[in-house]
N, C-alpha and C. Protein backbone atom coordinates (compact mmCIF):
# COMPACT_ATOMS: atom_id res chain seq x y z
N UNK A 1 333.10 170.31 153.38
CA UNK A 1 334.60 169.94 153.29
C UNK A 1 334.63 168.44 153.53
N UNK A 2 333.94 167.87 154.53
CA UNK A 2 333.91 166.45 154.98
C UNK A 2 333.58 165.70 153.78
N UNK A 3 332.49 166.02 153.07
CA UNK A 3 332.09 165.39 151.99
C UNK A 3 333.10 165.22 150.61
N UNK A 4 333.94 166.41 150.58
CA UNK A 4 335.05 166.11 149.96
C UNK A 4 335.87 165.12 149.98
N UNK A 5 336.33 165.05 151.50
CA UNK A 5 337.18 163.98 151.85
C UNK A 5 336.65 162.64 151.78
N UNK A 6 335.28 162.60 152.12
CA UNK A 6 334.64 161.42 151.73
C UNK A 6 334.69 160.76 150.48
N UNK A 7 334.50 161.76 149.51
CA UNK A 7 334.88 161.46 147.94
C UNK A 7 335.87 160.61 147.86
N UNK A 8 337.03 161.17 148.59
CA UNK A 8 338.38 160.47 148.35
C UNK A 8 338.36 159.16 148.97
N UNK A 9 337.69 158.98 150.08
CA UNK A 9 337.70 157.80 150.82
C UNK A 9 336.95 156.76 150.02
N UNK A 10 335.94 156.94 149.43
CA UNK A 10 335.20 156.11 148.58
C UNK A 10 335.81 155.78 147.21
N UNK A 11 336.81 156.38 146.87
CA UNK A 11 337.43 156.11 145.53
C UNK A 11 338.13 154.82 145.53
N UNK A 12 338.05 153.72 144.53
CA UNK A 12 338.92 152.67 144.38
C UNK A 12 340.45 152.93 144.33
N UNK A 13 341.10 151.97 144.64
CA UNK A 13 342.61 152.14 144.51
C UNK A 13 342.92 151.79 143.14
N UNK A 14 343.77 152.68 142.62
CA UNK A 14 344.06 152.59 141.31
C UNK A 14 345.58 152.24 141.07
N UNK A 15 345.86 151.21 140.32
CA UNK A 15 347.49 150.84 140.35
C UNK A 15 348.26 152.03 139.40
N UNK A 16 349.24 152.44 139.99
CA UNK A 16 349.87 153.41 139.35
C UNK A 16 351.38 153.05 138.60
N UNK A 17 351.29 153.01 137.29
CA UNK A 17 352.56 152.68 136.51
C UNK A 17 353.72 153.69 136.87
N UNK A 18 354.91 153.11 137.00
CA UNK A 18 355.91 154.24 137.16
C UNK A 18 356.21 154.72 135.56
N UNK A 19 356.78 156.11 135.42
CA UNK A 19 356.89 156.70 134.25
C UNK A 19 358.37 156.13 133.91
N UNK A 20 358.69 156.19 132.65
CA UNK A 20 360.16 156.06 132.17
C UNK A 20 361.11 157.03 132.97
N UNK A 21 360.68 158.19 133.12
CA UNK A 21 361.40 159.32 133.90
C UNK A 21 360.49 159.73 134.99
N UNK A 22 360.82 159.27 136.14
CA UNK A 22 360.02 159.54 137.34
C UNK A 22 360.77 160.83 138.30
N UNK A 23 360.11 161.69 138.53
CA UNK A 23 360.68 162.74 139.43
C UNK A 23 360.13 162.58 140.90
N UNK A 24 360.52 162.33 141.85
CA UNK A 24 359.93 161.93 143.21
C UNK A 24 360.87 162.57 144.55
N UNK A 25 360.04 163.08 145.38
CA UNK A 25 360.70 163.45 146.69
C UNK A 25 360.33 162.42 147.68
N UNK A 26 361.13 161.91 148.49
CA UNK A 26 360.83 160.91 149.46
C UNK A 26 360.99 159.46 149.12
N UNK A 27 360.57 158.71 150.02
CA UNK A 27 360.88 157.10 149.65
C UNK A 27 359.39 156.52 149.25
N UNK A 28 359.73 155.69 148.11
CA UNK A 28 358.58 155.07 147.48
C UNK A 28 357.97 154.14 148.73
N UNK A 29 356.83 153.85 148.73
CA UNK A 29 356.28 152.89 149.60
C UNK A 29 356.09 153.49 151.19
N UNK A 30 356.13 154.67 151.14
CA UNK A 30 356.00 155.55 152.35
C UNK A 30 354.48 155.27 152.78
N UNK A 31 354.21 155.77 154.00
CA UNK A 31 352.81 155.76 154.65
C UNK A 31 351.94 156.65 153.72
N UNK A 32 352.31 157.67 153.41
CA UNK A 32 351.61 158.83 152.45
C UNK A 32 352.43 159.02 151.06
N UNK A 33 351.66 158.39 150.11
CA UNK A 33 352.11 158.51 148.85
C UNK A 33 351.19 159.43 147.80
N UNK A 34 351.82 160.71 147.31
CA UNK A 34 350.90 161.60 146.38
C UNK A 34 351.63 161.71 145.16
N UNK A 35 350.61 161.75 144.07
CA UNK A 35 350.93 161.86 142.69
C UNK A 35 350.11 162.90 142.35
N UNK A 36 350.78 163.85 141.62
CA UNK A 36 350.17 165.02 141.20
C UNK A 36 350.67 165.33 139.70
N UNK A 37 349.59 165.43 138.80
CA UNK A 37 349.85 165.92 137.36
C UNK A 37 349.52 167.54 137.59
N UNK A 38 350.52 168.18 137.07
CA UNK A 38 350.24 169.66 137.30
C UNK A 38 350.51 170.41 136.09
N UNK A 39 350.37 171.86 136.25
CA UNK A 39 350.89 172.71 135.35
C UNK A 39 351.50 173.94 136.08
N UNK A 40 352.92 174.11 135.62
CA UNK A 40 353.72 175.11 136.38
C UNK A 40 353.24 176.49 136.12
N UNK A 41 352.37 176.73 135.42
CA UNK A 41 351.64 177.99 135.40
C UNK A 41 350.40 178.17 135.91
N UNK A 42 349.74 177.12 136.59
CA UNK A 42 348.73 177.07 137.30
C UNK A 42 348.74 177.48 138.74
N UNK A 43 348.11 178.49 139.12
CA UNK A 43 347.93 178.82 140.75
C UNK A 43 347.70 177.56 141.49
N UNK A 44 346.53 176.94 141.15
CA UNK A 44 345.89 175.77 141.99
C UNK A 44 347.18 174.73 142.20
N UNK A 45 347.81 174.45 141.20
CA UNK A 45 349.08 173.44 141.10
C UNK A 45 350.01 174.15 142.05
N UNK A 46 350.48 175.31 142.16
CA UNK A 46 351.29 175.99 142.82
C UNK A 46 350.95 175.74 144.37
N UNK A 47 349.60 175.92 144.74
CA UNK A 47 349.04 175.68 146.20
C UNK A 47 349.30 174.43 146.52
N UNK A 48 348.98 173.34 145.65
CA UNK A 48 348.86 172.03 146.07
C UNK A 48 350.33 171.51 146.31
N UNK A 49 351.31 172.04 145.36
CA UNK A 49 352.68 171.71 145.72
C UNK A 49 353.26 172.39 146.75
N UNK A 50 352.91 173.57 146.92
CA UNK A 50 353.45 174.21 148.25
C UNK A 50 353.07 173.44 149.56
N UNK A 51 351.64 172.99 149.65
CA UNK A 51 351.21 172.21 150.77
C UNK A 51 351.88 170.93 150.98
N UNK A 52 352.19 170.16 149.71
CA UNK A 52 352.76 168.97 149.99
C UNK A 52 353.98 169.14 150.31
N UNK A 53 354.74 170.06 150.00
CA UNK A 53 356.20 170.22 150.32
C UNK A 53 356.28 170.50 151.84
N UNK A 54 355.33 171.33 152.26
CA UNK A 54 355.05 171.80 153.62
C UNK A 54 355.01 170.50 154.73
N UNK A 55 354.16 169.80 154.15
CA UNK A 55 353.82 168.72 155.07
C UNK A 55 355.06 167.70 155.19
N UNK A 56 355.85 167.74 153.98
CA UNK A 56 357.03 166.75 153.97
C UNK A 56 358.11 167.24 154.99
N UNK A 57 358.16 168.41 155.30
CA UNK A 57 359.29 169.04 156.04
C UNK A 57 359.27 168.32 157.36
N UNK A 58 360.46 167.69 157.47
CA UNK A 58 360.90 166.96 159.07
C UNK A 58 360.31 165.54 158.88
N UNK A 59 359.67 165.27 157.91
CA UNK A 59 359.01 163.82 157.86
C UNK A 59 359.82 163.11 156.74
N UNK A 60 359.89 161.59 157.03
CA UNK A 60 360.38 160.59 156.15
C UNK A 60 359.47 159.65 155.77
N UNK A 61 358.10 159.71 155.75
CA UNK A 61 357.16 158.89 155.54
C UNK A 61 356.08 159.44 154.49
N UNK A 62 356.74 160.19 153.60
CA UNK A 62 355.75 160.82 152.45
C UNK A 62 356.68 160.79 151.22
N UNK A 63 355.86 160.26 150.05
CA UNK A 63 356.42 160.08 148.82
C UNK A 63 355.70 160.96 147.98
N UNK A 64 356.31 162.07 147.14
CA UNK A 64 355.71 163.04 146.30
C UNK A 64 356.20 162.86 144.96
N UNK A 65 355.26 162.59 143.77
CA UNK A 65 355.68 162.48 142.62
C UNK A 65 355.00 163.75 141.81
N UNK A 66 355.66 164.32 140.93
CA UNK A 66 355.08 165.38 140.13
C UNK A 66 355.28 164.89 138.54
N UNK A 67 354.20 165.15 138.15
CA UNK A 67 354.10 164.80 136.65
C UNK A 67 353.75 165.77 135.76
N UNK A 68 354.05 166.18 134.57
CA UNK A 68 353.78 167.30 133.77
C UNK A 68 352.47 167.00 133.28
N UNK A 69 351.66 168.17 133.38
CA UNK A 69 350.23 168.08 132.54
C UNK A 69 350.05 169.56 132.17
N UNK A 70 350.79 170.23 131.13
CA UNK A 70 350.41 171.43 130.83
C UNK A 70 349.12 171.60 130.13
N UNK A 71 348.43 172.62 130.55
CA UNK A 71 347.08 172.99 129.83
C UNK A 71 347.39 173.96 128.72
N UNK A 72 348.04 173.30 127.57
CA UNK A 72 348.27 174.13 126.49
C UNK A 72 348.37 173.26 125.21
N UNK A 73 347.54 173.52 124.19
CA UNK A 73 347.51 172.71 123.07
C UNK A 73 348.81 172.49 122.35
N UNK A 74 349.59 173.51 122.71
CA UNK A 74 351.01 173.33 121.73
C UNK A 74 351.80 172.17 122.17
N UNK A 75 351.71 171.65 123.47
CA UNK A 75 352.34 170.25 123.61
C UNK A 75 351.52 169.25 124.22
N UNK A 76 350.19 169.68 124.35
CA UNK A 76 349.20 168.56 125.08
C UNK A 76 348.05 168.39 124.19
N UNK A 77 348.02 167.74 123.23
CA UNK A 77 346.93 167.40 122.39
C UNK A 77 345.48 167.01 122.94
N UNK A 78 345.70 166.60 124.42
CA UNK A 78 344.66 166.04 125.05
C UNK A 78 343.83 167.24 125.64
N UNK A 79 344.13 168.34 125.49
CA UNK A 79 343.37 169.59 126.13
C UNK A 79 342.74 170.37 124.90
N UNK A 80 341.83 171.02 125.17
CA UNK A 80 340.89 171.68 124.12
C UNK A 80 341.20 173.24 124.39
N UNK A 81 342.04 173.65 125.04
CA UNK A 81 342.19 175.17 125.34
C UNK A 81 343.54 175.25 125.82
N UNK A 82 344.08 176.63 125.58
CA UNK A 82 345.23 176.99 126.35
C UNK A 82 345.01 178.00 127.37
N UNK A 83 345.26 177.27 128.55
CA UNK A 83 344.81 178.05 129.72
C UNK A 83 345.94 179.05 130.24
N UNK A 84 347.16 178.42 129.93
CA UNK A 84 348.34 179.26 130.30
C UNK A 84 349.47 179.19 129.12
N UNK A 85 349.73 180.67 128.80
CA UNK A 85 350.44 180.70 127.53
C UNK A 85 351.95 180.08 127.60
N UNK A 86 352.64 179.82 128.69
CA UNK A 86 354.05 179.45 128.61
C UNK A 86 354.08 178.09 129.47
N UNK A 87 353.04 177.16 129.48
CA UNK A 87 352.98 175.94 130.23
C UNK A 87 353.80 175.07 129.53
N UNK A 88 353.90 175.01 128.38
CA UNK A 88 354.76 174.04 127.69
C UNK A 88 356.24 174.35 127.90
N UNK A 89 356.74 175.62 127.78
CA UNK A 89 357.99 176.07 127.96
C UNK A 89 358.60 175.73 129.33
N UNK A 90 357.50 176.16 130.21
CA UNK A 90 357.98 175.86 131.76
C UNK A 90 358.30 174.35 131.95
N UNK A 91 357.19 173.42 131.38
CA UNK A 91 357.76 172.08 131.67
C UNK A 91 358.91 171.70 131.10
N UNK A 92 359.07 171.93 129.88
CA UNK A 92 360.46 171.96 129.12
C UNK A 92 361.54 172.44 129.99
N UNK A 93 361.54 173.50 130.61
CA UNK A 93 362.64 174.02 131.14
C UNK A 93 362.94 173.26 132.26
N UNK A 94 361.97 173.00 133.22
CA UNK A 94 362.16 172.05 134.49
C UNK A 94 362.82 170.69 133.99
N UNK A 95 362.23 170.12 133.14
CA UNK A 95 362.76 168.82 132.54
C UNK A 95 364.11 168.85 131.97
N UNK A 96 364.28 169.82 131.30
CA UNK A 96 365.77 169.95 130.80
C UNK A 96 366.88 170.28 132.03
N UNK A 97 366.49 170.91 132.82
CA UNK A 97 367.29 171.17 134.10
C UNK A 97 367.60 169.88 134.82
N UNK A 98 366.62 169.16 134.81
CA UNK A 98 366.77 167.82 135.32
C UNK A 98 367.91 166.77 134.57
N UNK A 99 367.55 167.05 133.29
CA UNK A 99 368.79 166.22 132.28
C UNK A 99 370.01 166.87 132.53
N UNK A 100 370.23 168.02 132.41
CA UNK A 100 371.60 168.75 132.55
C UNK A 100 372.30 168.56 133.87
N UNK A 101 371.50 168.68 135.11
CA UNK A 101 371.97 168.83 136.44
C UNK A 101 371.58 167.68 137.15
N UNK A 102 370.74 166.90 136.95
CA UNK A 102 370.26 165.75 137.73
C UNK A 102 369.03 166.06 138.47
N UNK A 103 368.64 165.04 139.18
CA UNK A 103 367.46 165.32 140.10
C UNK A 103 367.36 166.33 141.13
N UNK A 104 368.35 166.74 141.88
CA UNK A 104 368.36 168.00 142.44
C UNK A 104 368.02 169.32 141.70
N UNK A 105 368.73 169.22 140.59
CA UNK A 105 368.53 170.40 139.70
C UNK A 105 367.01 170.42 139.13
N UNK A 106 366.64 169.40 138.89
CA UNK A 106 365.11 169.26 138.56
C UNK A 106 364.21 169.85 139.57
N UNK A 107 364.23 169.41 140.74
CA UNK A 107 363.48 169.96 141.80
C UNK A 107 363.89 171.56 142.12
N UNK A 108 364.96 171.79 141.95
CA UNK A 108 365.35 173.27 142.34
C UNK A 108 364.74 174.14 141.38
N UNK A 109 364.69 173.52 139.91
CA UNK A 109 363.87 174.39 138.94
C UNK A 109 362.41 174.34 139.12
N UNK A 110 361.97 173.24 139.55
CA UNK A 110 360.66 173.04 139.78
C UNK A 110 360.10 174.06 140.86
N UNK A 111 360.89 174.35 141.81
CA UNK A 111 360.47 175.13 142.94
C UNK A 111 360.75 176.48 142.46
N UNK A 112 361.65 176.88 141.55
CA UNK A 112 361.77 178.31 141.24
C UNK A 112 360.70 178.53 140.36
N UNK A 113 360.33 177.59 139.25
CA UNK A 113 359.20 177.88 138.36
C UNK A 113 357.86 178.37 139.24
N UNK A 114 357.45 177.60 140.26
CA UNK A 114 356.32 177.94 141.11
C UNK A 114 356.47 179.42 141.60
N UNK A 115 357.85 179.55 142.07
CA UNK A 115 358.02 180.62 142.91
C UNK A 115 357.91 182.01 141.94
N UNK A 116 358.05 181.83 140.72
CA UNK A 116 357.96 183.17 139.49
C UNK A 116 357.03 182.92 138.42
N UNK A 117 355.93 182.17 138.75
CA UNK A 117 355.07 181.71 137.78
C UNK A 117 354.26 183.00 137.47
N UNK A 118 354.09 184.07 138.23
CA UNK A 118 353.41 185.31 138.18
C UNK A 118 353.86 186.07 137.23
N UNK A 119 355.12 186.33 137.07
CA UNK A 119 355.80 187.14 135.99
C UNK A 119 356.79 186.42 135.11
N UNK A 120 356.50 185.08 134.89
CA UNK A 120 357.23 184.31 134.06
C UNK A 120 357.02 184.65 132.46
N UNK A 121 358.29 184.87 131.75
CA UNK A 121 358.14 184.78 130.38
C UNK A 121 359.30 183.99 129.91
N UNK A 122 359.35 183.71 128.61
CA UNK A 122 360.44 182.92 128.00
C UNK A 122 361.80 183.44 128.45
N UNK A 123 362.04 184.63 128.47
CA UNK A 123 363.43 185.23 129.01
C UNK A 123 363.70 184.84 130.49
N UNK A 124 362.72 184.41 131.11
CA UNK A 124 363.03 183.95 132.46
C UNK A 124 363.69 182.64 132.64
N UNK A 125 363.66 182.02 131.65
CA UNK A 125 364.15 180.57 131.67
C UNK A 125 365.69 180.75 132.12
N UNK A 126 366.48 181.51 131.37
CA UNK A 126 367.80 181.75 131.50
C UNK A 126 367.91 182.16 133.05
N UNK A 127 367.21 183.20 133.51
CA UNK A 127 367.33 183.70 134.85
C UNK A 127 367.05 182.51 135.92
N UNK A 128 366.04 181.57 135.61
CA UNK A 128 365.98 180.38 136.70
C UNK A 128 367.25 179.58 136.43
N UNK A 129 367.77 179.20 135.44
CA UNK A 129 368.79 178.31 135.38
C UNK A 129 369.84 178.82 136.01
N UNK A 130 370.27 180.08 135.79
CA UNK A 130 371.44 180.71 136.46
C UNK A 130 371.23 180.69 137.96
N UNK A 131 370.06 180.91 138.57
CA UNK A 131 369.52 181.08 139.94
C UNK A 131 369.95 179.50 140.53
N UNK A 132 369.59 178.60 139.89
CA UNK A 132 370.03 177.23 140.43
C UNK A 132 371.30 176.56 140.06
N UNK A 133 372.23 177.50 139.61
CA UNK A 133 373.53 177.13 139.35
C UNK A 133 373.84 176.25 138.04
N UNK A 134 372.87 176.47 136.91
CA UNK A 134 373.20 175.75 135.71
C UNK A 134 373.66 176.98 134.73
N UNK A 135 374.20 176.35 133.62
CA UNK A 135 374.55 177.09 132.34
C UNK A 135 373.09 177.33 131.69
N UNK A 136 372.70 178.59 131.55
CA UNK A 136 371.53 178.91 130.99
C UNK A 136 371.40 178.40 129.30
N UNK A 137 372.48 178.48 128.86
CA UNK A 137 372.56 178.00 127.22
C UNK A 137 372.52 176.48 127.28
N UNK A 138 372.80 175.72 128.36
CA UNK A 138 372.79 174.31 128.30
C UNK A 138 371.39 173.74 128.53
N UNK A 139 370.57 174.67 129.27
CA UNK A 139 369.13 174.30 129.67
C UNK A 139 368.40 174.67 128.53
N UNK A 140 368.44 175.90 127.75
CA UNK A 140 367.87 176.18 126.73
C UNK A 140 368.05 175.16 125.49
N UNK A 141 369.31 174.86 125.43
CA UNK A 141 369.44 173.91 124.23
C UNK A 141 368.85 172.46 124.64
N UNK A 142 368.83 172.11 125.84
CA UNK A 142 368.47 170.85 126.15
C UNK A 142 366.91 170.63 126.07
N UNK A 143 366.33 171.90 126.23
CA UNK A 143 364.85 171.85 126.01
C UNK A 143 364.22 171.52 124.73
N UNK A 144 365.06 171.34 123.63
CA UNK A 144 364.82 170.88 122.34
C UNK A 144 365.30 169.47 122.20
N UNK A 145 365.57 168.91 123.13
CA UNK A 145 366.26 167.47 123.19
C UNK A 145 364.98 166.50 123.18
N UNK A 146 364.97 165.43 122.57
CA UNK A 146 363.93 164.43 122.36
C UNK A 146 363.60 163.87 123.80
N UNK A 147 364.60 163.68 124.71
CA UNK A 147 364.40 163.27 125.95
C UNK A 147 363.40 164.00 126.64
N UNK A 148 363.51 165.35 126.57
CA UNK A 148 362.67 166.31 127.30
C UNK A 148 361.28 166.18 126.82
N UNK A 149 361.05 166.24 125.39
CA UNK A 149 359.64 166.10 124.95
C UNK A 149 359.08 164.73 125.05
N UNK A 150 359.98 163.72 125.12
CA UNK A 150 359.48 162.35 125.59
C UNK A 150 358.99 162.23 126.98
N UNK A 151 359.71 162.80 127.86
CA UNK A 151 359.28 162.92 129.21
C UNK A 151 358.02 163.44 129.57
N UNK A 152 357.95 164.54 128.98
CA UNK A 152 356.64 165.42 129.18
C UNK A 152 355.41 164.57 128.27
N UNK A 153 355.61 164.16 127.08
CA UNK A 153 354.48 163.36 126.63
C UNK A 153 354.28 162.08 127.31
N UNK A 154 354.98 161.30 127.82
CA UNK A 154 354.84 160.07 128.64
C UNK A 154 354.04 160.58 130.10
N UNK A 155 354.27 161.78 130.63
CA UNK A 155 353.47 162.21 131.74
C UNK A 155 352.03 162.62 131.34
N UNK A 156 351.85 163.12 130.07
CA UNK A 156 350.59 163.69 129.51
C UNK A 156 349.85 162.42 129.20
N UNK A 157 350.40 161.43 128.74
CA UNK A 157 349.62 160.15 128.27
C UNK A 157 349.12 159.32 129.53
N UNK A 158 350.13 159.45 130.46
CA UNK A 158 349.64 158.57 131.74
C UNK A 158 348.53 159.33 132.48
N UNK A 159 348.53 160.63 132.27
CA UNK A 159 347.70 161.53 133.07
C UNK A 159 346.40 161.49 132.34
N UNK A 160 346.42 161.42 130.95
CA UNK A 160 345.03 161.32 130.19
C UNK A 160 344.14 160.29 130.42
N UNK A 161 344.70 158.99 130.90
CA UNK A 161 344.06 157.88 131.06
C UNK A 161 342.80 158.12 132.05
N UNK A 162 343.22 158.92 132.75
CA UNK A 162 342.10 159.40 134.14
C UNK A 162 341.16 160.44 133.65
N UNK A 163 341.31 160.99 132.37
CA UNK A 163 340.35 162.14 131.80
C UNK A 163 340.27 163.15 132.85
N UNK A 164 341.37 163.75 133.08
CA UNK A 164 341.09 164.89 134.23
C UNK A 164 340.16 166.01 133.84
N UNK A 165 339.31 166.34 134.80
CA UNK A 165 338.40 167.42 134.61
C UNK A 165 338.99 168.79 134.79
N UNK A 166 340.22 168.71 135.71
CA UNK A 166 340.78 169.92 136.07
C UNK A 166 342.32 169.58 136.33
N UNK A 167 343.01 170.51 136.58
CA UNK A 167 344.54 170.42 136.77
C UNK A 167 344.93 171.33 138.14
N UNK A 168 345.39 170.85 139.21
CA UNK A 168 346.12 169.73 139.32
C UNK A 168 345.09 168.39 139.36
N UNK A 169 345.77 167.24 138.97
CA UNK A 169 345.01 166.09 139.15
C UNK A 169 345.60 165.27 140.00
N UNK A 170 345.20 164.96 141.44
CA UNK A 170 345.98 164.43 142.39
C UNK A 170 345.26 163.19 142.87
N UNK A 171 346.30 162.21 143.31
CA UNK A 171 346.06 160.94 143.89
C UNK A 171 346.72 160.74 145.07
N UNK A 172 345.93 160.31 146.19
CA UNK A 172 346.67 160.01 147.44
C UNK A 172 346.59 158.54 147.86
N UNK A 173 347.62 157.90 147.96
CA UNK A 173 347.57 156.43 148.22
C UNK A 173 346.78 155.54 147.27
N UNK A 174 346.95 156.04 146.21
CA UNK A 174 346.17 155.31 145.02
C UNK A 174 344.88 155.68 144.68
N UNK A 175 344.20 156.56 145.46
CA UNK A 175 342.83 157.07 145.40
C UNK A 175 342.79 158.44 144.79
N UNK A 176 341.92 158.62 143.77
CA UNK A 176 341.83 159.96 143.13
C UNK A 176 341.12 160.84 144.15
N UNK A 177 341.80 162.22 144.29
CA UNK A 177 341.08 163.31 144.93
C UNK A 177 340.23 164.08 143.96
N UNK A 178 338.98 163.79 143.94
CA UNK A 178 338.05 164.37 143.06
C UNK A 178 338.12 165.93 142.98
N UNK A 179 338.03 166.38 144.31
CA UNK A 179 338.18 167.92 144.26
C UNK A 179 339.47 168.22 145.38
N UNK A 180 340.17 168.67 144.98
CA UNK A 180 341.39 169.03 145.94
C UNK A 180 341.09 170.39 146.78
N UNK A 181 340.26 171.11 146.31
CA UNK A 181 339.77 172.66 146.79
C UNK A 181 338.42 172.60 147.54
N UNK A 182 338.30 173.03 148.46
CA UNK A 182 337.04 173.42 149.25
C UNK A 182 337.03 174.85 149.27
N UNK A 183 336.22 175.40 148.17
CA UNK A 183 336.34 176.93 147.92
C UNK A 183 337.79 177.31 147.61
N UNK A 184 338.53 178.20 148.46
CA UNK A 184 340.01 178.39 148.21
C UNK A 184 340.74 177.69 148.90
N UNK A 185 340.14 176.80 149.60
CA UNK A 185 341.11 175.80 150.63
C UNK A 185 341.58 174.56 150.16
N UNK A 186 342.79 174.34 150.19
CA UNK A 186 343.22 173.03 149.70
C UNK A 186 342.94 172.11 150.71
N UNK A 187 342.51 170.80 150.49
CA UNK A 187 342.23 169.84 151.51
C UNK A 187 343.06 168.77 151.58
N UNK A 188 344.22 168.95 150.58
CA UNK A 188 345.08 167.86 150.78
C UNK A 188 345.82 167.52 152.26
N UNK A 189 345.83 168.59 153.01
CA UNK A 189 346.55 168.32 154.53
C UNK A 189 345.34 167.63 155.22
N UNK A 190 344.09 167.67 154.92
CA UNK A 190 343.14 167.00 155.71
C UNK A 190 343.26 165.64 155.39
N UNK A 191 343.45 165.23 154.10
CA UNK A 191 343.53 163.83 153.52
C UNK A 191 344.96 163.29 154.16
N UNK A 192 345.80 163.99 154.28
CA UNK A 192 347.30 163.43 154.86
C UNK A 192 347.14 163.34 156.10
N UNK A 193 346.54 164.13 156.99
CA UNK A 193 346.22 163.84 158.26
C UNK A 193 345.45 162.65 158.62
N UNK A 194 344.69 162.32 157.83
CA UNK A 194 343.84 161.01 158.14
C UNK A 194 344.65 159.95 157.84
N UNK A 195 345.35 159.84 156.58
CA UNK A 195 346.52 158.99 156.24
C UNK A 195 347.41 158.68 157.39
N UNK A 196 348.01 159.72 157.77
CA UNK A 196 349.30 159.60 158.61
C UNK A 196 348.82 159.54 160.23
N UNK A 197 347.27 159.70 160.64
CA UNK A 197 347.09 159.44 161.79
C UNK A 197 347.24 160.67 162.82
N UNK A 198 347.73 161.72 162.38
CA UNK A 198 347.91 163.03 162.96
C UNK A 198 347.61 164.16 162.32
N UNK A 199 347.47 165.29 163.10
CA UNK A 199 347.16 166.53 162.22
C UNK A 199 348.41 167.09 161.75
N UNK A 200 348.46 167.21 160.44
CA UNK A 200 349.61 167.77 159.66
C UNK A 200 349.05 168.99 158.98
N UNK A 201 348.00 169.71 159.36
CA UNK A 201 347.37 170.70 158.67
C UNK A 201 348.16 172.08 159.03
N UNK A 202 348.52 172.84 157.98
CA UNK A 202 349.45 174.04 158.19
C UNK A 202 348.63 175.17 158.46
N UNK A 203 348.91 175.95 159.47
CA UNK A 203 348.20 177.18 159.96
C UNK A 203 348.71 178.24 159.22
């Protein structure tokens, strides 16, 4: 476990360019800055997201950015396999919710998507939109809008620069986290504890 954390320590700082459409929680230039390229249908991405948002509870010194990287060739030509059948539609639905309802709607749909990934189907999109207070038809229609496809493509392009070997692909304070999991245990909270100078690990 310590070796995995040391691998992060030894990584060089990488300048991060902002996206044209950036979705973030917290304040930029916080003590702890985390950027994740993830797949809404991926269990590992869900675990990382859950841990980061748990760390953020009651704090104002964490900045968290989520960027789309669906592992599905239907919308991501940078991958060679379809790991999750509905990854593209999930990203489209979350991004569309943000266009329709603003940043709060984006994060509400983001959270809803991870909470329902195990039984997600295309019919679930309407259920998710309604659950967060949006008109389902508005979200479904917006999924076909060029603003949605452009935002997802921009995230994929920026993430592909780093040639990710696995998803989620995580950066903490500008340094790549080569292996965010030690076995089944996510080590994001260990690194966060080091950055913040206090134990934020969740029991």
